[in-house]
Amino acid sequence: MKTATISVSGMHCDGCAQIVRNVLERQDGVQTSTVSYADSTARVLFDPARMDESRLLQIIEKAGYGATPQPD
């Protein structure tokens, strides 16, 4: 398993954070995620054999939010 930390822009409330979390956790290869509106971040635990960080960014962007990888 691998953990990615992603800056998420465009969230306006905790409901937005829940949307991002739900979208991420529906993906094959994502085990769990923690999304914080207050910190504008998402931490995602995923299987690198089935998912990669660039795809995580695309998934968040497709949901209508900005996504930028953060160094570990």
PDB file of N, CA and C in Angstrom:
ATOM      1  N   MET A   1       0.843  -1.184   0.000  1.00  0.00           N
ATOM      2  CA  MET A   1       0.000   0.000   0.000  1.00  0.00           C
ATOM      3  C   MET A   1       0.882   1.240   0.000  1.00  0.00           C
ATOM      4  N   LYS A   2       0.346   2.293  -0.550  1.00  0.00           N
ATOM      5  CA  LYS A   2       1.054   3.564  -0.635  1.00  0.00           C
ATOM      6  C   LYS A   2       0.094   4.665  -0.193  1.00  0.00           C
ATOM      7  N   THR A   3       0.651   5.718   0.401  1.00  0.00           N
ATOM      8  CA  THR A   3      -0.161   6.859   0.817  1.00  0.00           C
ATOM      9  C   THR A   3       0.214   8.076  -0.011  1.00  0.00           C
ATOM     10  N   ALA A   4      -0.798   8.765  -0.530  1.00  0.00           N
ATOM     11  CA  ALA A   4      -0.596  10.017  -1.256  1.00  0.00           C
ATOM     12  C   ALA A   4      -1.247  11.133  -0.455  1.00  0.00           C
ATOM     13  N   THR A   5      -0.553  12.261  -0.359  1.00  0.00           N
ATOM     14  CA  THR A   5      -1.123  13.457   0.253  1.00  0.00           C
ATOM     15  C   THR A   5      -1.327  14.470  -0.866  1.00  0.00           C
ATOM     16  N   ILE A   6      -2.548  14.965  -0.979  1.00  0.00           N
ATOM     17  CA  ILE A   6      -2.939  15.826  -2.090  1.00  0.00           C
ATOM     18  C   ILE A   6      -3.577  17.096  -1.546  1.00  0.00           C
ATOM     19  N   SER A   7      -3.135  18.254  -2.053  1.00  0.00           N
ATOM     20  CA  SER A   7      -3.801  19.521  -1.742  1.00  0.00           C
ATOM     21  C   SER A   7      -5.049  19.603  -2.610  1.00  0.00           C
ATOM     22  N   VAL A   8      -6.176  19.900  -1.978  1.00  0.00           N
ATOM     23  CA  VAL A   8      -7.448  19.980  -2.699  1.00  0.00           C
ATOM     24  C   VAL A   8      -7.973  21.406  -2.585  1.00  0.00           C
ATOM     25  N   SER A   9      -8.149  22.060  -3.716  1.00  0.00           N
ATOM     26  CA  SER A   9      -8.681  23.424  -3.708  1.00  0.00           C
ATOM     27  C   SER A   9     -10.131  23.411  -4.186  1.00  0.00           C
ATOM     28  N   GLY A  10     -10.866  24.437  -3.785  1.00  0.00           N
ATOM     29  CA  GLY A  10     -12.250  24.574  -4.215  1.00  0.00           C
ATOM     30  C   GLY A  10     -13.278  23.997  -3.261  1.00  0.00           C
ATOM     31  N   MET A  11     -12.826  23.429  -2.139  1.00  0.00           N
ATOM     32  CA  MET A  11     -13.788  22.933  -1.149  1.00  0.00           C
ATOM     33  C   MET A  11     -14.276  24.120  -0.324  1.00  0.00           C
ATOM     34  N   HIS A  12     -15.599  24.203  -0.121  1.00  0.00           N
ATOM     35  CA  HIS A  12     -16.186  25.333   0.601  1.00  0.00           C
ATOM     36  C   HIS A  12     -16.780  24.951   1.949  1.00  0.00           C
ATOM     37  N   CYS A  13     -16.846  23.630   2.225  1.00  0.00           N
ATOM     38  CA  CYS A  13     -17.440  23.179   3.482  1.00  0.00           C
ATOM     39  C   CYS A  13     -17.084  21.713   3.715  1.00  0.00           C
ATOM     40  N   ASP A  14     -17.498  21.190   4.863  1.00  0.00           N
ATOM     41  CA  ASP A  14     -17.250  19.780   5.158  1.00  0.00           C
ATOM     42  C   ASP A  14     -17.999  18.859   4.194  1.00  0.00           C
ATOM     43  N   GLY A  15     -19.103  19.334   3.651  1.00  0.00           N
ATOM     44  CA  GLY A  15     -19.838  18.545   2.662  1.00  0.00           C
ATOM     45  C   GLY A  15     -19.010  18.305   1.407  1.00  0.00           C
ATOM     46  N   CYS A  16     -18.252  19.321   0.998  1.00  0.00           N
ATOM     47  CA  CYS A  16     -17.350  19.165  -0.148  1.00  0.00           C
ATOM     48  C   CYS A  16     -16.298  18.103   0.152  1.00  0.00           C
ATOM     49  N   ALA A  17     -15.755  18.136   1.357  1.00  0.00           N
ATOM     50  CA  ALA A  17     -14.752  17.141   1.751  1.00  0.00           C
ATOM     51  C   ALA A  17     -15.355  15.742   1.707  1.00  0.00           C
ATOM     52  N   GLN A  18     -16.602  15.606   2.120  1.00  0.00           N
ATOM     53  CA  GLN A  18     -17.272  14.303   2.086  1.00  0.00           C
ATOM     54  C   GLN A  18     -17.464  13.830   0.649  1.00  0.00           C
ATOM     55  N   ILE A  19     -17.789  14.749  -0.250  1.00  0.00           N
ATOM     56  CA  ILE A  19     -17.936  14.392  -1.667  1.00  0.00           C
ATOM     57  C   ILE A  19     -16.621  13.853  -2.211  1.00  0.00           C
ATOM     58  N   VAL A  20     -15.519  14.555  -1.929  1.00  0.00           N
ATOM     59  CA  VAL A  20     -14.203  14.115  -2.405  1.00  0.00           C
ATOM     60  C   VAL A  20     -13.883  12.737  -1.835  1.00  0.00           C
ATOM     61  N   ARG A  21     -14.130  12.556  -0.560  1.00  0.00           N
ATOM     62  CA  ARG A  21     -13.862  11.258   0.080  1.00  0.00           C
ATOM     63  C   ARG A  21     -14.676  10.147  -0.575  1.00  0.00           C
ATOM     64  N   ASN A  22     -15.955  10.390  -0.792  1.00  0.00           N
ATOM     65  CA  ASN A  22     -16.820   9.380  -1.404  1.00  0.00           C
ATOM     66  C   ASN A  22     -16.358   9.019  -2.813  1.00  0.00           C
ATOM     67  N   VAL A  23     -15.993  10.028  -3.591  1.00  0.00           N
ATOM     68  CA  VAL A  23     -15.531   9.789  -4.959  1.00  0.00           C
ATOM     69  C   VAL A  23     -14.252   8.954  -4.949  1.00  0.00           C
ATOM     70  N   LEU A  24     -13.330   9.281  -4.058  1.00  0.00           N
ATOM     71  CA  LEU A  24     -12.076   8.535  -3.979  1.00  0.00           C
ATOM     72  C   LEU A  24     -12.310   7.093  -3.551  1.00  0.00           C
ATOM     73  N   GLU A  25     -13.122   6.901  -2.531  1.00  0.00           N
ATOM     74  CA  GLU A  25     -13.291   5.565  -1.966  1.00  0.00           C
ATOM     75  C   GLU A  25     -14.127   4.633  -2.835  1.00  0.00           C
ATOM     76  N   ARG A  26     -14.786   5.161  -3.851  1.00  0.00           N
ATOM     77  CA  ARG A  26     -15.504   4.314  -4.813  1.00  0.00           C
ATOM     78  C   ARG A  26     -14.559   3.712  -5.851  1.00  0.00           C
ATOM     79  N   GLN A  27     -13.326   4.187  -5.894  1.00  0.00           N
ATOM     80  CA  GLN A  27     -12.380   3.753  -6.919  1.00  0.00           C
ATOM     81  C   GLN A  27     -11.728   2.427  -6.564  1.00  0.00           C
ATOM     82  N   ASP A  28     -11.593   1.576  -7.566  1.00  0.00           N
ATOM     83  CA  ASP A  28     -10.886   0.316  -7.393  1.00  0.00           C
ATOM     84  C   ASP A  28      -9.424   0.622  -7.081  1.00  0.00           C
ATOM     85  N   GLY A  29      -8.910   0.065  -6.025  1.00  0.00           N
ATOM     86  CA  GLY A  29      -7.520   0.288  -5.644  1.00  0.00           C
ATOM     87  C   GLY A  29      -7.347   1.252  -4.492  1.00  0.00           C
ATOM     88  N   VAL A  30      -8.392   2.010  -4.156  1.00  0.00           N
ATOM     89  CA  VAL A  30      -8.324   2.922  -3.011  1.00  0.00           C
ATOM     90  C   VAL A  30      -8.866   2.188  -1.789  1.00  0.00           C
ATOM     91  N   GLN A  31      -8.045   2.097  -0.758  1.00  0.00           N
ATOM     92  CA  GLN A  31      -8.480   1.406   0.460  1.00  0.00           C
ATOM     93  C   GLN A  31      -9.242   2.349   1.384  1.00  0.00           C
ATOM     94  N   THR A  32      -8.676   3.533   1.629  1.00  0.00           N
ATOM     95  CA  THR A  32      -9.323   4.503   2.509  1.00  0.00           C
ATOM     96  C   THR A  32      -8.789   5.894   2.198  1.00  0.00           C
ATOM     97  N   SER A  33      -9.529   6.906   2.633  1.00  0.00           N
ATOM     98  CA  SER A  33      -9.065   8.284   2.470  1.00  0.00           C
ATOM     99  C   SER A  33      -9.555   9.129   3.635  1.00  0.00           C
ATOM    100  N   THR A  34      -8.792  10.169   3.913  1.00  0.00           N
ATOM    101  CA  THR A  34      -9.166  11.169   4.903  1.00  0.00           C
ATOM    102  C   THR A  34      -9.081  12.513   4.203  1.00  0.00           C
ATOM    103  N   VAL A  35     -10.191  13.230   4.156  1.00  0.00           N
ATOM    104  CA  VAL A  35     -10.226  14.516   3.465  1.00  0.00           C
ATOM    105  C   VAL A  35     -10.598  15.588   4.477  1.00  0.00           C
ATOM    106  N   SER A  36      -9.793  16.656   4.534  1.00  0.00           N
ATOM    107  CA  SER A  36     -10.016  17.735   5.489  1.00  0.00           C
ATOM    108  C   SER A  36     -10.307  19.040   4.760  1.00  0.00           C
ATOM    109  N   TYR A  37     -11.513  19.570   4.991  1.00  0.00           N
ATOM    110  CA  TYR A  37     -11.848  20.894   4.463  1.00  0.00           C
ATOM    111  C   TYR A  37     -10.965  21.950   5.114  1.00  0.00           C
ATOM    112  N   ALA A  38     -10.758  21.869   6.421  1.00  0.00           N
ATOM    113  CA  ALA A  38      -9.982  22.870   7.163  1.00  0.00           C
ATOM    114  C   ALA A  38      -8.543  22.956   6.669  1.00  0.00           C
ATOM    115  N   ASP A  39      -7.944  21.810   6.339  1.00  0.00           N
ATOM    116  CA  ASP A  39      -6.551  21.782   5.883  1.00  0.00           C
ATOM    117  C   ASP A  39      -6.422  21.761   4.366  1.00  0.00           C
ATOM    118  N   SER A  40      -7.529  21.626   3.661  1.00  0.00           N
ATOM    119  CA  SER A  40      -7.538  21.515   2.192  1.00  0.00           C
ATOM    120  C   SER A  40      -6.649  20.379   1.702  1.00  0.00           C
ATOM    121  N   THR A  41      -6.731  19.236   2.379  1.00  0.00           N
ATOM    122  CA  THR A  41      -5.905  18.096   1.989  1.00  0.00           C
ATOM    123  C   THR A  41      -6.711  16.800   1.950  1.00  0.00           C
ATOM    124  N   ALA A  42      -6.183  15.889   1.161  1.00  0.00           N
ATOM    125  CA  ALA A  42      -6.685  14.517   1.128  1.00  0.00           C
ATOM    126  C   ALA A  42      -5.492  13.595   1.309  1.00  0.00           C
ATOM    127  N   ARG A  43      -5.631  12.635   2.203  1.00  0.00           N
ATOM    128  CA  ARG A  43      -4.620  11.577   2.369  1.00  0.00           C
ATOM    129  C   ARG A  43      -5.292  10.288   1.931  1.00  0.00           C
ATOM    130  N   VAL A  44      -4.673   9.638   0.960  1.00  0.00           N
ATOM    131  CA  VAL A  44      -5.299   8.481   0.331  1.00  0.00           C
ATOM    132  C   VAL A  44      -4.373   7.273   0.433  1.00  0.00           C
ATOM    133  N   LEU A  45      -4.891   6.185   0.990  1.00  0.00           N
ATOM    134  CA  LEU A  45      -4.163   4.923   1.052  1.00  0.00           C
ATOM    135  C   LEU A  45      -4.649   4.076  -0.119  1.00  0.00           C
ATOM    136  N   PHE A  46      -3.709   3.699  -1.002  1.00  0.00           N
ATOM    137  CA  PHE A  46      -4.107   2.983  -2.210  1.00  0.00           C
ATOM    138  C   PHE A  46      -3.105   1.897  -2.577  1.00  0.00           C
ATOM    139  N   ASP A  47      -3.568   0.973  -3.405  1.00  0.00           N
ATOM    140  CA  ASP A  47      -2.747  -0.125  -3.909  1.00  0.00           C
ATOM    141  C   ASP A  47      -2.095   0.342  -5.210  1.00  0.00           C
ATOM    142  N   PRO A  48      -0.770   0.533  -5.235  1.00  0.00           N
ATOM    143  CA  PRO A  48      -0.112   1.046  -6.437  1.00  0.00           C
ATOM    144  C   PRO A  48      -0.171   0.089  -7.628  1.00  0.00           C
ATOM    145  N   ALA A  49      -0.552  -1.155  -7.407  1.00  0.00           N
ATOM    146  CA  ALA A  49      -0.723  -2.093  -8.518  1.00  0.00           C
ATOM    147  C   ALA A  49      -2.039  -1.841  -9.256  1.00  0.00           C
ATOM    148  N   ARG A  50      -2.980  -1.154  -8.597  1.00  0.00           N
ATOM    149  CA  ARG A  50      -4.300  -0.921  -9.193  1.00  0.00           C
ATOM    150  C   ARG A  50      -4.655   0.550  -9.366  1.00  0.00           C
ATOM    151  N   MET A  51      -3.859   1.447  -8.797  1.00  0.00           N
ATOM    152  CA  MET A  51      -4.154   2.886  -8.838  1.00  0.00           C
ATOM    153  C   MET A  51      -2.831   3.625  -8.779  1.00  0.00           C
ATOM    154  N   ASP A  52      -2.780   4.822  -9.362  1.00  0.00           N
ATOM    155  CA  ASP A  52      -1.578   5.644  -9.209  1.00  0.00           C
ATOM    156  C   ASP A  52      -1.976   7.073  -8.840  1.00  0.00           C
ATOM    157  N   GLU A  53      -0.987   7.828  -8.390  1.00  0.00           N
ATOM    158  CA  GLU A  53      -1.268   9.165  -7.869  1.00  0.00           C
ATOM    159  C   GLU A  53      -1.824  10.097  -8.943  1.00  0.00           C
ATOM    160  N   SER A  54      -1.335   9.994 -10.173  1.00  0.00           N
ATOM    161  CA  SER A  54      -1.846  10.878 -11.221  1.00  0.00           C
ATOM    162  C   SER A  54      -3.329  10.617 -11.483  1.00  0.00           C
ATOM    163  N   ARG A  55      -3.739   9.378 -11.378  1.00  0.00           N
ATOM    164  CA  ARG A  55      -5.163   9.060 -11.554  1.00  0.00           C
ATOM    165  C   ARG A  55      -5.983   9.603 -10.385  1.00  0.00           C
ATOM    166  N   LEU A  56      -5.448   9.563  -9.175  1.00  0.00           N
ATOM    167  CA  LEU A  56      -6.141  10.161  -8.028  1.00  0.00           C
ATOM    168  C   LEU A  56      -6.396  11.647  -8.278  1.00  0.00           C
ATOM    169  N   LEU A  57      -5.384  12.339  -8.804  1.00  0.00           N
ATOM    170  CA  LEU A  57      -5.536  13.766  -9.106  1.00  0.00           C
ATOM    171  C   LEU A  57      -6.644  13.978 -10.131  1.00  0.00           C
ATOM    172  N   GLN A  58      -6.664  13.155 -11.174  1.00  0.00           N
ATOM    173  CA  GLN A  58      -7.693  13.268 -12.211  1.00  0.00           C
ATOM    174  C   GLN A  58      -9.089  13.035 -11.641  1.00  0.00           C
ATOM    175  N   ILE A  59      -9.215  12.078 -10.746  1.00  0.00           N
ATOM    176  CA  ILE A  59     -10.514  11.760 -10.135  1.00  0.00           C
ATOM    177  C   ILE A  59     -11.036  12.957  -9.342  1.00  0.00           C
ATOM    178  N   ILE A  60     -10.162  13.580  -8.556  1.00  0.00           N
ATOM    179  CA  ILE A  60     -10.559  14.757  -7.771  1.00  0.00           C
ATOM    180  C   ILE A  60     -10.936  15.906  -8.700  1.00  0.00           C
ATOM    181  N   GLU A  61     -10.140  16.119  -9.748  1.00  0.00           N
ATOM    182  CA  GLU A  61     -10.430  17.203 -10.695  1.00  0.00           C
ATOM    183  C   GLU A  61     -11.741  16.960 -11.435  1.00  0.00           C
ATOM    184  N   LYS A  62     -12.015  15.716 -11.787  1.00  0.00           N
ATOM    185  CA  LYS A  62     -13.273  15.392 -12.469  1.00  0.00           C
ATOM    186  C   LYS A  62     -14.477  15.678 -11.574  1.00  0.00           C
ATOM    187  N   ALA A  63     -14.280  15.591 -10.252  1.00  0.00           N
ATOM    188  CA  ALA A  63     -15.352  15.899  -9.300  1.00  0.00           C
ATOM    189  C   ALA A  63     -15.550  17.410  -9.135  1.00  0.00           C
ATOM    190  N   GLY A  64     -14.683  18.213  -9.768  1.00  0.00           N
ATOM    191  CA  GLY A  64     -14.864  19.661  -9.743  1.00  0.00           C
ATOM    192  C   GLY A  64     -13.946  20.420  -8.804  1.00  0.00           C
ATOM    193  N   TYR A  65     -12.904  19.769  -8.314  1.00  0.00           N
ATOM    194  CA  TYR A  65     -11.979  20.402  -7.369  1.00  0.00           C
ATOM    195  C   TYR A  65     -10.573  20.413  -7.952  1.00  0.00           C
ATOM    196  N   GLY A  66      -9.746  21.326  -7.462  1.00  0.00           N
ATOM    197  CA  GLY A  66      -8.348  21.345  -7.864  1.00  0.00           C
ATOM    198  C   GLY A  66      -7.568  20.330  -7.053  1.00  0.00           C
ATOM    199  N   ALA A  67      -6.530  19.755  -7.658  1.00  0.00           N
ATOM    200  CA  ALA A  67      -5.734  18.741  -6.962  1.00  0.00           C
ATOM    201  C   ALA A  67      -4.263  18.900  -7.322  1.00  0.00           C
ATOM    202  N   THR A  68      -3.428  18.999  -6.295  1.00  0.00           N
ATOM    203  CA  THR A  68      -1.985  19.136  -6.466  1.00  0.00           C
ATOM    204  C   THR A  68      -1.295  18.187  -5.501  1.00  0.00           C
ATOM    205  N   PRO A  69      -0.350  17.369  -5.996  1.00  0.00           N
ATOM    206  CA  PRO A  69       0.343  16.454  -5.079  1.00  0.00           C
ATOM    207  C   PRO A  69       1.211  17.214  -4.085  1.00  0.00           C
ATOM    208  N   GLN A  70       1.294  16.708  -2.868  1.00  0.00           N
ATOM    209  CA  GLN A  70       2.191  17.254  -1.848  1.00  0.00           C
ATOM    210  C   GLN A  70       3.307  16.251  -1.626  1.00  0.00           C
ATOM    211  N   PRO A  71       4.520  16.739  -1.397  1.00  0.00           N
ATOM    212  CA  PRO A  71       5.604  15.799  -1.089  1.00  0.00           C
ATOM    213  C   PRO A  71       5.332  15.102   0.240  1.00  0.00           C
ATOM    214  N   ASP A  72       5.753  13.851   0.334  1.00  0.00           N
ATOM    215  CA  ASP A  72       5.541  13.082   1.568  1.00  0.00           C
ATOM    216  C   ASP A  72       6.412  13.560   2.690  1.00  0.00           C
TER     217      ASP A  72
END
